[in-house]
Amino acid sequence: MKKILLPVLLYSQALTAQTGLWLDAGISKKWNKALRSSLELGYRQNTGKGFDRLYLDLSHSAALFDGFKLEGAYRLVLNEKGDQLQLASNLFSNRYQLGFNCSILDALDIGPKRLDLSWSSTQQWATQTGKATSSIWRNKLSLSYDIKNFPLTPFLSAEHFYRWNANVVYTPTEVLISGATVQWRYFIGATIELPKQHALKLQVGLRSRASGIQPLVRASYQYTLK
């Protein structure tokens, strides 16, 4: 009975939640076989509710060997106020990321070349005026398959968010800090192969937080400079 009720409850929660609409576009430049830089502009809102955030993201990656690369990123974010877009210094936040991405099958030199199984692990810090610094460890598993002579590359992913300072308790003698899982995020979708250096990624998903389960729809456009 529990096996039947749990999916029903999850589905009903997703239906009543505000769907998140995520749109982003970016350009990237591959300097050589190992180094790549990217610039991305993103917009997010909750349908039927309003503006969520606007951000500018700068990232860089360096491949150390086959299937393994280091990644770093900085993101400037304009957050919502009452679901409205307003320009105010206290609504801006800064996010810093440092981590790695490992293409497991490529690193081990096993499996079909068109199949990709990747694990990314990222430490993330975020600061905003009037709020405590957020420290989050993100781990993501992704699976994709490049279908031969077909313009779609289907993929799916699952990501876990662990906040190191999720719980802060002040006592007369010390400050007690403990961590907790704050989010799970799941996506399924496909990358559409467009002419030349263009690429379009479409995906739908869910994210589970303490506030509930939210459906997500995301569209991402990428242009690669020669």
N, C-alpha and C. Protein backbone atom coordinates (compact mmCIF):
# COMPACT_ATOMS: atom_id res chain seq x y z
N MET A 1 0.82 -1.21 0.00
CA MET A 1 0.00 0.00 0.00
C MET A 1 0.87 1.27 0.00
N LYS A 2 1.96 1.23 0.82
CA LYS A 2 2.85 2.37 0.87
C LYS A 2 3.51 2.64 -0.48
N LYS A 3 3.82 1.53 -1.21
CA LYS A 3 4.46 1.69 -2.52
C LYS A 3 3.53 2.39 -3.50
N ILE A 4 2.24 2.26 -3.31
CA ILE A 4 1.27 2.90 -4.20
C ILE A 4 1.03 4.35 -3.76
N LEU A 5 0.93 4.58 -2.45
CA LEU A 5 0.60 5.91 -1.94
C LEU A 5 1.73 6.91 -2.16
N LEU A 6 2.99 6.49 -2.01
CA LEU A 6 4.11 7.41 -2.13
C LEU A 6 4.18 8.09 -3.50
N PRO A 7 4.14 7.34 -4.62
CA PRO A 7 4.16 8.02 -5.92
C PRO A 7 2.95 8.93 -6.13
N VAL A 8 1.78 8.53 -5.60
CA VAL A 8 0.58 9.36 -5.73
C VAL A 8 0.75 10.68 -5.00
N LEU A 9 1.32 10.64 -3.79
CA LEU A 9 1.54 11.85 -3.00
C LEU A 9 2.56 12.76 -3.68
N LEU A 10 3.63 12.17 -4.21
CA LEU A 10 4.64 12.96 -4.91
C LEU A 10 4.05 13.63 -6.14
N TYR A 11 3.23 12.88 -6.87
CA TYR A 11 2.62 13.42 -8.09
C TYR A 11 1.64 14.55 -7.76
N SER A 12 0.85 14.38 -6.69
CA SER A 12 -0.11 15.42 -6.32
C SER A 12 0.60 16.69 -5.85
N GLN A 13 1.74 16.53 -5.14
CA GLN A 13 2.51 17.69 -4.72
C GLN A 13 3.05 18.45 -5.93
N ALA A 14 3.53 17.71 -6.92
CA ALA A 14 4.09 18.34 -8.12
C ALA A 14 3.02 19.12 -8.88
N LEU A 15 1.79 18.59 -8.92
CA LEU A 15 0.73 19.24 -9.64
C LEU A 15 0.33 20.57 -9.00
N THR A 16 0.34 20.62 -7.67
CA THR A 16 -0.10 21.82 -6.97
C THR A 16 1.02 22.86 -6.86
N ALA A 17 2.28 22.49 -7.12
CA ALA A 17 3.39 23.43 -7.01
C ALA A 17 3.46 24.34 -8.24
N GLN A 18 4.08 25.50 -8.06
CA GLN A 18 4.30 26.41 -9.18
C GLN A 18 5.45 25.87 -10.03
N THR A 19 5.22 25.70 -11.33
CA THR A 19 6.26 25.18 -12.21
C THR A 19 7.36 26.22 -12.40
N GLY A 20 8.60 25.77 -12.28
CA GLY A 20 9.74 26.65 -12.50
C GLY A 20 10.11 26.66 -13.97
N LEU A 21 10.19 27.84 -14.56
CA LEU A 21 10.60 28.00 -15.96
C LEU A 21 11.99 28.60 -15.98
N TRP A 22 12.95 27.84 -16.49
CA TRP A 22 14.35 28.25 -16.52
C TRP A 22 14.80 28.41 -17.97
N LEU A 23 15.29 29.59 -18.31
CA LEU A 23 15.77 29.90 -19.65
C LEU A 23 17.20 30.43 -19.55
N ASP A 24 18.09 29.89 -20.37
CA ASP A 24 19.46 30.41 -20.35
C ASP A 24 20.10 30.29 -21.73
N ALA A 25 21.02 31.20 -22.00
CA ALA A 25 21.74 31.21 -23.27
C ALA A 25 23.19 31.58 -22.99
N GLY A 26 24.09 30.96 -23.72
CA GLY A 26 25.50 31.23 -23.45
C GLY A 26 26.38 31.02 -24.65
N ILE A 27 27.61 31.47 -24.52
CA ILE A 27 28.64 31.25 -25.53
C ILE A 27 29.84 30.60 -24.86
N SER A 28 30.55 29.78 -25.59
CA SER A 28 31.73 29.13 -25.03
C SER A 28 32.87 29.17 -26.05
N LYS A 29 34.07 29.11 -25.53
CA LYS A 29 35.27 29.14 -26.37
C LYS A 29 36.22 28.06 -25.92
N LYS A 30 36.60 27.19 -26.84
CA LYS A 30 37.59 26.16 -26.53
C LYS A 30 38.95 26.65 -27.01
N TRP A 31 39.82 26.96 -26.05
CA TRP A 31 41.11 27.56 -26.37
C TRP A 31 42.07 26.53 -26.95
N ASN A 32 42.01 25.33 -26.43
CA ASN A 32 42.81 24.22 -26.95
C ASN A 32 42.14 22.91 -26.51
N LYS A 33 42.82 21.81 -26.58
CA LYS A 33 42.21 20.53 -26.23
C LYS A 33 41.83 20.43 -24.75
N ALA A 34 42.46 21.25 -23.91
CA ALA A 34 42.25 21.12 -22.47
C ALA A 34 41.41 22.23 -21.85
N LEU A 35 41.47 23.44 -22.41
CA LEU A 35 40.86 24.61 -21.76
C LEU A 35 39.62 25.10 -22.48
N ARG A 36 38.58 25.41 -21.68
CA ARG A 36 37.33 25.94 -22.23
C ARG A 36 36.75 26.99 -21.26
N SER A 37 36.25 28.09 -21.82
CA SER A 37 35.61 29.14 -21.03
C SER A 37 34.20 29.37 -21.53
N SER A 38 33.30 29.78 -20.61
CA SER A 38 31.90 29.99 -20.98
C SER A 38 31.33 31.21 -20.29
N LEU A 39 30.40 31.86 -20.97
CA LEU A 39 29.65 32.99 -20.43
C LEU A 39 28.17 32.69 -20.65
N GLU A 40 27.35 32.79 -19.58
CA GLU A 40 25.94 32.41 -19.68
C GLU A 40 25.06 33.43 -18.98
N LEU A 41 23.93 33.73 -19.62
CA LEU A 41 22.92 34.61 -19.04
C LEU A 41 21.66 33.77 -18.83
N GLY A 42 21.11 33.82 -17.61
CA GLY A 42 19.96 32.98 -17.30
C GLY A 42 18.83 33.75 -16.65
N TYR A 43 17.62 33.29 -16.88
CA TYR A 43 16.41 33.90 -16.30
C TYR A 43 15.53 32.79 -15.74
N ARG A 44 15.01 33.00 -14.54
CA ARG A 44 14.13 32.00 -13.92
C ARG A 44 12.88 32.67 -13.35
N GLN A 45 11.77 31.98 -13.49
CA GLN A 45 10.53 32.45 -12.89
C GLN A 45 9.66 31.26 -12.50
N ASN A 46 8.71 31.51 -11.62
CA ASN A 46 7.73 30.51 -11.24
C ASN A 46 6.42 30.87 -11.92
N THR A 47 5.94 30.01 -12.80
CA THR A 47 4.76 30.31 -13.59
C THR A 47 3.56 30.57 -12.69
N GLY A 48 2.82 31.60 -13.02
CA GLY A 48 1.65 31.97 -12.24
C GLY A 48 1.98 32.74 -10.98
N LYS A 49 3.29 32.90 -10.71
CA LYS A 49 3.70 33.60 -9.49
C LYS A 49 4.55 34.81 -9.80
N GLY A 50 5.59 34.63 -10.62
CA GLY A 50 6.40 35.78 -11.01
C GLY A 50 7.88 35.50 -11.06
N PHE A 51 8.64 36.59 -11.14
CA PHE A 51 10.10 36.56 -11.29
C PHE A 51 10.78 35.85 -10.12
N ASP A 52 11.82 35.08 -10.45
CA ASP A 52 12.59 34.38 -9.41
C ASP A 52 14.02 34.90 -9.35
N ARG A 53 14.74 34.86 -10.47
CA ARG A 53 16.10 35.38 -10.48
C ARG A 53 16.63 35.58 -11.89
N LEU A 54 17.65 36.45 -11.98
CA LEU A 54 18.36 36.72 -13.23
C LEU A 54 19.83 36.61 -12.90
N TYR A 55 20.62 35.94 -13.75
CA TYR A 55 22.02 35.75 -13.39
C TYR A 55 22.95 35.82 -14.59
N LEU A 56 24.21 36.14 -14.28
CA LEU A 56 25.30 36.11 -15.25
C LEU A 56 26.35 35.17 -14.71
N ASP A 57 26.75 34.18 -15.51
CA ASP A 57 27.63 33.12 -15.04
C ASP A 57 28.90 33.07 -15.90
N LEU A 58 30.04 33.06 -15.24
CA LEU A 58 31.33 32.91 -15.90
C LEU A 58 31.98 31.62 -15.41
N SER A 59 32.41 30.77 -16.32
CA SER A 59 32.99 29.49 -15.91
C SER A 59 34.20 29.15 -16.76
N HIS A 60 35.04 28.28 -16.21
CA HIS A 60 36.25 27.83 -16.91
C HIS A 60 36.54 26.40 -16.50
N SER A 61 36.99 25.59 -17.44
CA SER A 61 37.33 24.20 -17.15
C SER A 61 38.68 23.85 -17.77
N ALA A 62 39.36 22.91 -17.12
CA ALA A 62 40.66 22.46 -17.60
C ALA A 62 40.71 20.94 -17.50
N ALA A 63 40.89 20.28 -18.65
CA ALA A 63 40.99 18.82 -18.68
C ALA A 63 42.40 18.40 -18.27
N LEU A 64 42.49 17.57 -17.24
CA LEU A 64 43.79 17.11 -16.77
C LEU A 64 44.25 15.85 -17.50
N PHE A 65 43.26 14.95 -17.76
CA PHE A 65 43.53 13.75 -18.55
C PHE A 65 42.19 13.26 -19.09
N ASP A 66 42.22 12.19 -19.89
CA ASP A 66 41.01 11.70 -20.53
C ASP A 66 39.91 11.42 -19.50
N GLY A 67 38.77 12.10 -19.68
CA GLY A 67 37.62 11.84 -18.82
C GLY A 67 37.59 12.61 -17.52
N PHE A 68 38.59 13.45 -17.25
CA PHE A 68 38.61 14.17 -15.97
C PHE A 68 39.00 15.63 -16.18
N LYS A 69 38.19 16.54 -15.63
CA LYS A 69 38.51 17.97 -15.74
C LYS A 69 38.12 18.71 -14.47
N LEU A 70 38.86 19.76 -14.19
CA LEU A 70 38.57 20.65 -13.08
C LEU A 70 37.69 21.80 -13.59
N GLU A 71 36.78 22.27 -12.74
CA GLU A 71 35.84 23.32 -13.14
C GLU A 71 35.74 24.38 -12.06
N GLY A 72 35.64 25.63 -12.49
CA GLY A 72 35.43 26.74 -11.57
C GLY A 72 34.44 27.71 -12.19
N ALA A 73 33.66 28.40 -11.35
CA ALA A 73 32.65 29.31 -11.89
C ALA A 73 32.34 30.41 -10.88
N TYR A 74 31.92 31.55 -11.43
CA TYR A 74 31.42 32.66 -10.62
C TYR A 74 30.07 33.09 -11.21
N ARG A 75 29.10 33.34 -10.33
CA ARG A 75 27.77 33.76 -10.78
C ARG A 75 27.29 34.98 -10.00
N LEU A 76 26.89 36.01 -10.72
CA LEU A 76 26.27 37.19 -10.13
C LEU A 76 24.76 37.07 -10.32
N VAL A 77 24.01 37.13 -9.23
CA VAL A 77 22.58 36.85 -9.27
C VAL A 77 21.77 38.04 -8.76
N LEU A 78 20.71 38.38 -9.48
CA LEU A 78 19.72 39.34 -9.00
C LEU A 78 18.50 38.54 -8.55
N ASN A 79 18.23 38.54 -7.25
CA ASN A 79 17.14 37.74 -6.69
C ASN A 79 15.83 38.52 -6.64
N GLU A 80 14.73 37.79 -6.50
CA GLU A 80 13.41 38.41 -6.48
C GLU A 80 13.13 39.11 -5.15
N LYS A 81 12.18 40.04 -5.19
CA LYS A 81 11.63 40.64 -3.98
C LYS A 81 10.13 40.69 -4.16
N GLY A 82 9.43 39.82 -3.42
CA GLY A 82 7.98 39.74 -3.60
C GLY A 82 7.60 39.28 -4.99
N ASP A 83 8.44 38.37 -5.56
CA ASP A 83 8.21 37.83 -6.91
C ASP A 83 8.28 38.92 -7.99
N GLN A 84 8.97 40.01 -7.70
CA GLN A 84 9.13 41.10 -8.65
C GLN A 84 10.61 41.34 -8.91
N LEU A 85 10.90 41.85 -10.11
CA LEU A 85 12.27 42.21 -10.48
C LEU A 85 12.52 43.64 -10.04
N GLN A 86 13.43 43.82 -9.09
CA GLN A 86 13.79 45.14 -8.60
C GLN A 86 15.30 45.25 -8.50
N LEU A 87 15.83 46.44 -8.83
CA LEU A 87 17.26 46.68 -8.73
C LEU A 87 17.57 47.29 -7.37
N ALA A 88 18.20 46.50 -6.51
CA ALA A 88 18.60 46.96 -5.18
C ALA A 88 19.84 46.19 -4.78
N SER A 89 20.79 46.87 -4.14
CA SER A 89 22.07 46.24 -3.82
C SER A 89 21.92 45.01 -2.93
N ASN A 90 20.93 45.02 -2.02
CA ASN A 90 20.76 43.88 -1.12
C ASN A 90 20.09 42.68 -1.77
N LEU A 91 19.67 42.81 -3.02
CA LEU A 91 19.05 41.69 -3.73
C LEU A 91 20.06 40.94 -4.60
N PHE A 92 21.28 41.48 -4.72
CA PHE A 92 22.32 40.81 -5.48
C PHE A 92 23.08 39.82 -4.59
N SER A 93 23.39 38.68 -5.17
CA SER A 93 24.20 37.68 -4.46
C SER A 93 25.33 37.21 -5.36
N ASN A 94 26.36 36.66 -4.73
CA ASN A 94 27.53 36.14 -5.44
C ASN A 94 27.67 34.66 -5.15
N ARG A 95 27.92 33.88 -6.20
CA ARG A 95 28.08 32.45 -6.03
C ARG A 95 29.40 32.00 -6.63
N TYR A 96 30.14 31.20 -5.87
CA TYR A 96 31.45 30.71 -6.31
C TYR A 96 31.42 29.17 -6.28
N GLN A 97 32.00 28.57 -7.32
CA GLN A 97 32.01 27.11 -7.40
C GLN A 97 33.39 26.60 -7.78
N LEU A 98 33.75 25.47 -7.20
CA LEU A 98 35.01 24.79 -7.54
C LEU A 98 34.78 23.30 -7.42
N GLY A 99 35.13 22.56 -8.48
CA GLY A 99 34.89 21.12 -8.44
C GLY A 99 35.50 20.40 -9.61
N PHE A 100 35.01 19.19 -9.87
CA PHE A 100 35.52 18.39 -10.98
C PHE A 100 34.39 17.65 -11.67
N ASN A 101 34.65 17.24 -12.89
CA ASN A 101 33.73 16.41 -13.66
C ASN A 101 34.49 15.21 -14.18
N CYS A 102 33.94 14.03 -13.92
CA CYS A 102 34.60 12.80 -14.35
C CYS A 102 33.68 12.01 -15.27
N SER A 103 34.12 11.82 -16.52
CA SER A 103 33.41 10.96 -17.45
C SER A 103 33.90 9.53 -17.18
N ILE A 104 33.12 8.80 -16.42
CA ILE A 104 33.58 7.53 -15.84
C ILE A 104 33.98 6.51 -16.90
N LEU A 105 33.15 6.32 -17.91
CA LEU A 105 33.44 5.31 -18.93
C LEU A 105 34.67 5.69 -19.76
N ASP A 106 34.79 7.00 -20.03
CA ASP A 106 35.93 7.49 -20.80
C ASP A 106 37.22 7.33 -20.00
N ALA A 107 37.15 7.66 -18.71
CA ALA A 107 38.35 7.55 -17.87
C ALA A 107 38.82 6.10 -17.73
N LEU A 108 37.86 5.19 -17.67
CA LEU A 108 38.20 3.76 -17.53
C LEU A 108 38.37 3.06 -18.88
N ASP A 109 38.06 3.80 -19.95
CA ASP A 109 38.16 3.27 -21.31
C ASP A 109 37.35 1.99 -21.49
N ILE A 110 36.07 2.09 -21.05
CA ILE A 110 35.17 0.95 -21.20
C ILE A 110 33.85 1.45 -21.78
N GLY A 111 33.05 0.52 -22.29
CA GLY A 111 31.71 0.86 -22.78
C GLY A 111 31.75 1.48 -24.16
N PRO A 112 30.58 1.60 -24.81
CA PRO A 112 30.49 2.23 -26.13
C PRO A 112 30.84 3.71 -26.05
N LYS A 113 31.50 4.22 -27.10
CA LYS A 113 31.96 5.60 -27.12
C LYS A 113 30.81 6.60 -27.11
N ARG A 114 29.65 6.20 -27.61
CA ARG A 114 28.52 7.12 -27.67
C ARG A 114 27.77 7.23 -26.34
N LEU A 115 28.09 6.35 -25.42
CA LEU A 115 27.45 6.37 -24.10
C LEU A 115 28.34 7.13 -23.12
N ASP A 116 27.73 8.05 -22.37
CA ASP A 116 28.50 8.83 -21.41
C ASP A 116 27.85 8.75 -20.03
N LEU A 117 28.63 8.37 -19.05
CA LEU A 117 28.21 8.34 -17.65
C LEU A 117 29.15 9.27 -16.89
N SER A 118 28.62 10.36 -16.38
CA SER A 118 29.46 11.37 -15.75
C SER A 118 29.08 11.61 -14.30
N TRP A 119 30.10 11.91 -13.50
CA TRP A 119 29.90 12.31 -12.11
C TRP A 119 30.59 13.65 -11.91
N SER A 120 29.84 14.63 -11.43
CA SER A 120 30.42 15.92 -11.11
C SER A 120 30.24 16.19 -9.62
N SER A 121 31.28 16.70 -8.99
CA SER A 121 31.25 17.03 -7.57
C SER A 121 31.74 18.46 -7.42
N THR A 122 30.91 19.30 -6.78
CA THR A 122 31.19 20.74 -6.73
C THR A 122 30.94 21.30 -5.33
N GLN A 123 31.90 22.08 -4.86
CA GLN A 123 31.72 22.84 -3.62
C GLN A 123 31.27 24.25 -4.02
N GLN A 124 30.21 24.71 -3.40
CA GLN A 124 29.60 25.99 -3.78
C GLN A 124 29.43 26.89 -2.55
N TRP A 125 29.80 28.16 -2.71
CA TRP A 125 29.59 29.16 -1.67
C TRP A 125 28.75 30.30 -2.25
N ALA A 126 27.85 30.85 -1.46
CA ALA A 126 27.01 31.97 -1.91
C ALA A 126 26.92 33.01 -0.81
N THR A 127 27.05 34.28 -1.20
CA THR A 127 26.97 35.38 -0.23
C THR A 127 25.93 36.40 -0.69
N GLN A 128 25.22 36.98 0.26
CA GLN A 128 24.25 38.03 -0.01
C GLN A 128 24.11 38.90 1.22
N THR A 129 23.98 40.20 1.00
CA THR A 129 23.85 41.15 2.09
C THR A 129 22.68 40.80 3.00
N GLY A 130 22.94 40.72 4.30
CA GLY A 130 21.89 40.44 5.26
C GLY A 130 21.60 38.97 5.46
N LYS A 131 22.33 38.08 4.76
CA LYS A 131 22.11 36.64 4.89
C LYS A 131 23.41 35.93 5.21
N ALA A 132 23.28 34.80 5.88
CA ALA A 132 24.47 34.00 6.21
C ALA A 132 25.04 33.37 4.94
N THR A 133 26.36 33.23 4.91
CA THR A 133 27.01 32.59 3.77
C THR A 133 26.56 31.13 3.65
N SER A 134 26.20 30.74 2.45
CA SER A 134 25.74 29.37 2.20
C SER A 134 26.91 28.54 1.68
N SER A 135 27.07 27.34 2.24
CA SER A 135 28.12 26.42 1.81
C SER A 135 27.48 25.09 1.45
N ILE A 136 27.51 24.75 0.17
CA ILE A 136 26.79 23.57 -0.33
C ILE A 136 27.72 22.67 -1.14
N TRP A 137 27.60 21.38 -0.91
CA TRP A 137 28.33 20.37 -1.68
C TRP A 137 27.33 19.69 -2.61
N ARG A 138 27.59 19.79 -3.92
CA ARG A 138 26.69 19.24 -4.93
C ARG A 138 27.34 18.04 -5.62
N ASN A 139 26.56 16.96 -5.76
CA ASN A 139 27.03 15.77 -6.49
C ASN A 139 25.97 15.37 -7.50
N LYS A 140 26.41 15.20 -8.75
CA LYS A 140 25.47 14.95 -9.84
C LYS A 140 25.93 13.77 -10.69
N LEU A 141 24.99 12.87 -10.99
CA LEU A 141 25.22 11.77 -11.93
C LEU A 141 24.41 12.02 -13.19
N SER A 142 25.06 11.90 -14.35
CA SER A 142 24.39 12.14 -15.63
C SER A 142 24.66 10.97 -16.57
N LEU A 143 23.65 10.61 -17.33
CA LEU A 143 23.76 9.54 -18.32
C LEU A 143 23.19 10.04 -19.64
N SER A 144 23.97 9.91 -20.72
CA SER A 144 23.51 10.35 -22.03
C SER A 144 23.98 9.37 -23.11
N TYR A 145 23.28 9.40 -24.25
CA TYR A 145 23.66 8.52 -25.36
C TYR A 145 23.51 9.29 -26.68
N ASP A 146 24.59 9.38 -27.42
CA ASP A 146 24.61 10.07 -28.71
C ASP A 146 24.18 9.08 -29.79
N ILE A 147 22.93 9.20 -30.23
CA ILE A 147 22.37 8.27 -31.21
C ILE A 147 22.97 8.56 -32.59
N LYS A 148 23.49 7.53 -33.23
CA LYS A 148 24.14 7.69 -34.53
C LYS A 148 23.13 8.12 -35.59
N ASN A 149 23.52 9.11 -36.39
CA ASN A 149 22.70 9.63 -37.49
C ASN A 149 21.31 10.09 -37.03
N PHE A 150 21.26 10.67 -35.84
CA PHE A 150 20.01 11.16 -35.28
C PHE A 150 20.30 12.47 -34.55
N PRO A 151 19.47 13.51 -34.73
CA PRO A 151 19.80 14.84 -34.20
C PRO A 151 19.57 15.02 -32.70
N LEU A 152 19.09 13.99 -32.01
CA LEU A 152 18.83 14.12 -30.58
C LEU A 152 19.78 13.25 -29.76
N THR A 153 20.27 13.83 -28.66
CA THR A 153 21.06 13.08 -27.70
C THR A 153 20.30 13.06 -26.38
N PRO A 154 19.57 11.98 -26.07
CA PRO A 154 18.80 11.94 -24.83
C PRO A 154 19.71 11.82 -23.60
N PHE A 155 19.24 12.34 -22.47
CA PHE A 155 20.03 12.27 -21.24
C PHE A 155 19.09 12.29 -20.04
N LEU A 156 19.62 11.90 -18.91
CA LEU A 156 18.93 12.03 -17.63
C LEU A 156 19.96 12.28 -16.55
N SER A 157 19.53 12.92 -15.45
CA SER A 157 20.47 13.26 -14.40
C SER A 157 19.77 13.30 -13.05
N ALA A 158 20.55 13.12 -12.00
CA ALA A 158 20.08 13.24 -10.62
C ALA A 158 21.16 13.97 -9.84
N GLU A 159 20.76 14.96 -9.02
CA GLU A 159 21.74 15.77 -8.29
C GLU A 159 21.32 15.93 -6.83
N HIS A 160 22.31 15.80 -5.95
CA HIS A 160 22.10 15.90 -4.51
C HIS A 160 22.78 17.16 -3.98
N PHE A 161 22.08 17.91 -3.12
CA PHE A 161 22.61 19.14 -2.53
C PHE A 161 22.72 18.95 -1.02
N TYR A 162 23.94 19.08 -0.50
CA TYR A 162 24.16 18.96 0.94
C TYR A 162 24.73 20.27 1.46
N ARG A 163 23.99 20.92 2.36
CA ARG A 163 24.45 22.19 2.92
C ARG A 163 25.18 21.95 4.23
N TRP A 164 26.44 22.36 4.29
CA TRP A 164 27.27 22.13 5.46
C TRP A 164 26.76 22.91 6.68
N ASN A 165 26.22 24.09 6.45
CA ASN A 165 25.76 24.94 7.55
C ASN A 165 24.24 25.12 7.51
N ALA A 166 23.54 24.01 7.31
CA ALA A 166 22.08 24.08 7.22
C ALA A 166 21.43 24.44 8.56
N ASN A 167 22.01 23.94 9.64
CA ASN A 167 21.44 24.18 10.98
C ASN A 167 22.46 24.88 11.86
N VAL A 168 22.10 26.06 12.35
CA VAL A 168 22.98 26.84 13.22
C VAL A 168 22.25 27.09 14.54
N VAL A 169 22.85 26.63 15.64
CA VAL A 169 22.25 26.80 16.97
C VAL A 169 23.22 27.58 17.86
N TYR A 170 22.75 28.68 18.41
CA TYR A 170 23.58 29.50 19.29
C TYR A 170 23.30 29.13 20.74
N THR A 171 24.35 28.77 21.47
CA THR A 171 24.25 28.47 22.90
C THR A 171 25.03 29.53 23.67
N PRO A 172 24.88 29.57 24.98
CA PRO A 172 25.62 30.57 25.77
C PRO A 172 27.13 30.47 25.63
N THR A 173 27.63 29.29 25.27
CA THR A 173 29.08 29.09 25.23
C THR A 173 29.66 28.85 23.83
N GLU A 174 28.82 28.43 22.88
CA GLU A 174 29.35 28.12 21.56
C GLU A 174 28.25 28.17 20.49
N VAL A 175 28.70 28.06 19.25
CA VAL A 175 27.78 28.00 18.11
C VAL A 175 27.85 26.60 17.52
N LEU A 176 26.72 25.91 17.45
CA LEU A 176 26.68 24.55 16.93
C LEU A 176 26.19 24.57 15.48
N ILE A 177 27.00 24.04 14.60
CA ILE A 177 26.66 24.03 13.17
C ILE A 177 26.62 22.59 12.68
N SER A 178 25.56 22.24 11.97
CA SER A 178 25.44 20.89 11.41
C SER A 178 24.89 20.96 9.99
N GLY A 179 25.17 19.93 9.22
CA GLY A 179 24.75 19.90 7.83
C GLY A 179 23.50 19.06 7.61
N ALA A 180 22.94 19.21 6.41
CA ALA A 180 21.73 18.44 6.06
C ALA A 180 21.52 18.50 4.55
N THR A 181 20.84 17.49 4.04
CA THR A 181 20.41 17.51 2.65
C THR A 181 19.32 18.58 2.48
N VAL A 182 19.52 19.48 1.52
CA VAL A 182 18.55 20.56 1.32
C VAL A 182 17.79 20.45 0.00
N GLN A 183 18.27 19.58 -0.90
CA GLN A 183 17.59 19.48 -2.19
C GLN A 183 18.04 18.25 -2.97
N TRP A 184 17.09 17.68 -3.70
CA TRP A 184 17.35 16.70 -4.76
C TRP A 184 16.79 17.28 -6.05
N ARG A 185 17.51 17.08 -7.14
CA ARG A 185 17.06 17.61 -8.42
C ARG A 185 17.20 16.54 -9.51
N TYR A 186 16.14 16.34 -10.30
CA TYR A 186 16.12 15.30 -11.34
C TYR A 186 15.71 15.93 -12.68
N PHE A 187 16.40 15.53 -13.75
CA PHE A 187 16.07 16.02 -15.08
C PHE A 187 16.10 14.89 -16.10
N ILE A 188 15.26 15.03 -17.12
CA ILE A 188 15.32 14.17 -18.30
C ILE A 188 15.06 15.05 -19.51
N GLY A 189 15.79 14.80 -20.59
CA GLY A 189 15.62 15.66 -21.75
C GLY A 189 16.50 15.20 -22.90
N ALA A 190 16.80 16.15 -23.79
CA ALA A 190 17.61 15.83 -24.98
C ALA A 190 18.32 17.08 -25.47
N THR A 191 19.51 16.86 -26.00
CA THR A 191 20.24 17.93 -26.68
C THR A 191 19.96 17.82 -28.17
N ILE A 192 19.54 18.92 -28.77
CA ILE A 192 19.22 18.95 -30.20
C ILE A 192 20.44 19.47 -30.96
N GLU A 193 20.93 18.69 -31.87
CA GLU A 193 22.10 19.08 -32.65
C GLU A 193 21.66 20.02 -33.78
N LEU A 194 22.09 21.26 -33.68
CA LEU A 194 21.78 22.28 -34.68
C LEU A 194 22.99 22.49 -35.59
N PRO A 195 22.82 23.21 -36.70
CA PRO A 195 23.94 23.41 -37.63
C PRO A 195 25.13 24.12 -36.98
N LYS A 196 26.31 23.74 -37.42
CA LYS A 196 27.58 24.36 -37.03
C LYS A 196 27.79 24.38 -35.52
N GLN A 197 27.99 25.57 -34.94
CA GLN A 197 28.38 25.64 -33.53
C GLN A 197 27.21 25.82 -32.57
N HIS A 198 25.98 25.65 -33.03
CA HIS A 198 24.81 25.88 -32.20
C HIS A 198 24.34 24.58 -31.54
N ALA A 199 23.77 24.71 -30.33
CA ALA A 199 23.20 23.56 -29.63
C ALA A 199 22.04 24.03 -28.76
N LEU A 200 21.00 23.22 -28.70
CA LEU A 200 19.82 23.53 -27.91
C LEU A 200 19.50 22.34 -27.02
N LYS A 201 19.33 22.60 -25.73
CA LYS A 201 19.03 21.53 -24.77
C LYS A 201 17.66 21.80 -24.15
N LEU A 202 16.77 20.80 -24.22
CA LEU A 202 15.44 20.90 -23.64
C LEU A 202 15.29 19.81 -22.58
N GLN A 203 14.76 20.20 -21.40
CA GLN A 203 14.62 19.22 -20.33
C GLN A 203 13.48 19.56 -19.38
N VAL A 204 12.95 18.53 -18.78
CA VAL A 204 11.92 18.69 -17.75
C VAL A 204 12.40 17.93 -16.52
N GLY A 205 11.92 18.36 -15.35
CA GLY A 205 12.38 17.69 -14.15
C GLY A 205 11.61 18.06 -12.92
N LEU A 206 12.16 17.65 -11.79
CA LEU A 206 11.57 17.91 -10.47
C LEU A 206 12.69 18.27 -9.52
N ARG A 207 12.38 19.16 -8.57
CA ARG A 207 13.30 19.34 -7.46
C ARG A 207 12.54 19.21 -6.15
N SER A 208 13.15 18.50 -5.23
CA SER A 208 12.52 18.21 -3.94
C SER A 208 13.26 18.97 -2.85
N ARG A 209 12.54 19.85 -2.14
CA ARG A 209 13.09 20.62 -1.04
C ARG A 209 12.15 20.52 0.16
N ALA A 210 12.55 21.15 1.27
CA ALA A 210 11.71 21.12 2.46
C ALA A 210 10.36 21.79 2.21
N SER A 211 10.35 22.75 1.28
CA SER A 211 9.11 23.47 0.96
C SER A 211 8.18 22.68 0.06
N GLY A 212 8.67 21.54 -0.50
CA GLY A 212 7.83 20.70 -1.35
C GLY A 212 8.53 20.31 -2.63
N ILE A 213 7.77 19.72 -3.53
CA ILE A 213 8.28 19.27 -4.82
C ILE A 213 7.82 20.22 -5.91
N GLN A 214 8.76 20.68 -6.73
CA GLN A 214 8.44 21.64 -7.78
C GLN A 214 8.80 21.08 -9.15
N PRO A 215 7.85 21.11 -10.11
CA PRO A 215 8.18 20.72 -11.48
C PRO A 215 9.05 21.80 -12.13
N LEU A 216 9.93 21.39 -13.04
CA LEU A 216 10.84 22.31 -13.70
C LEU A 216 10.81 22.09 -15.21
N VAL A 217 10.88 23.17 -15.95
CA VAL A 217 11.01 23.13 -17.40
C VAL A 217 12.19 24.03 -17.75
N ARG A 218 13.14 23.50 -18.52
CA ARG A 218 14.35 24.28 -18.81
C ARG A 218 14.71 24.20 -20.29
N ALA A 219 15.09 25.34 -20.86
CA ALA A 219 15.58 25.41 -22.23
C ALA A 219 16.91 26.15 -22.22
N SER A 220 17.93 25.55 -22.82
CA SER A 220 19.28 26.13 -22.81
C SER A 220 19.83 26.18 -24.22
N TYR A 221 20.34 27.36 -24.60
CA TYR A 221 20.97 27.53 -25.92
C TYR A 221 22.45 27.82 -25.73
N GLN A 222 23.26 27.19 -26.57
CA GLN A 222 24.72 27.37 -26.46
C GLN A 222 25.33 27.59 -27.84
N TYR A 223 26.21 28.59 -27.92
CA TYR A 223 26.94 28.85 -29.16
C TYR A 223 28.44 28.71 -28.88
N THR A 224 29.12 27.91 -29.66
CA THR A 224 30.54 27.67 -29.47
C THR A 224 31.36 28.47 -30.49
N LEU A 225 32.22 29.34 -29.98
CA LEU A 225 33.07 30.14 -30.85
C LEU A 225 34.18 29.29 -31.43
N LYS A 226 34.58 29.59 -32.65
CA LYS A 226 35.69 28.87 -33.27
C LYS A 226 37.02 29.37 -32.71
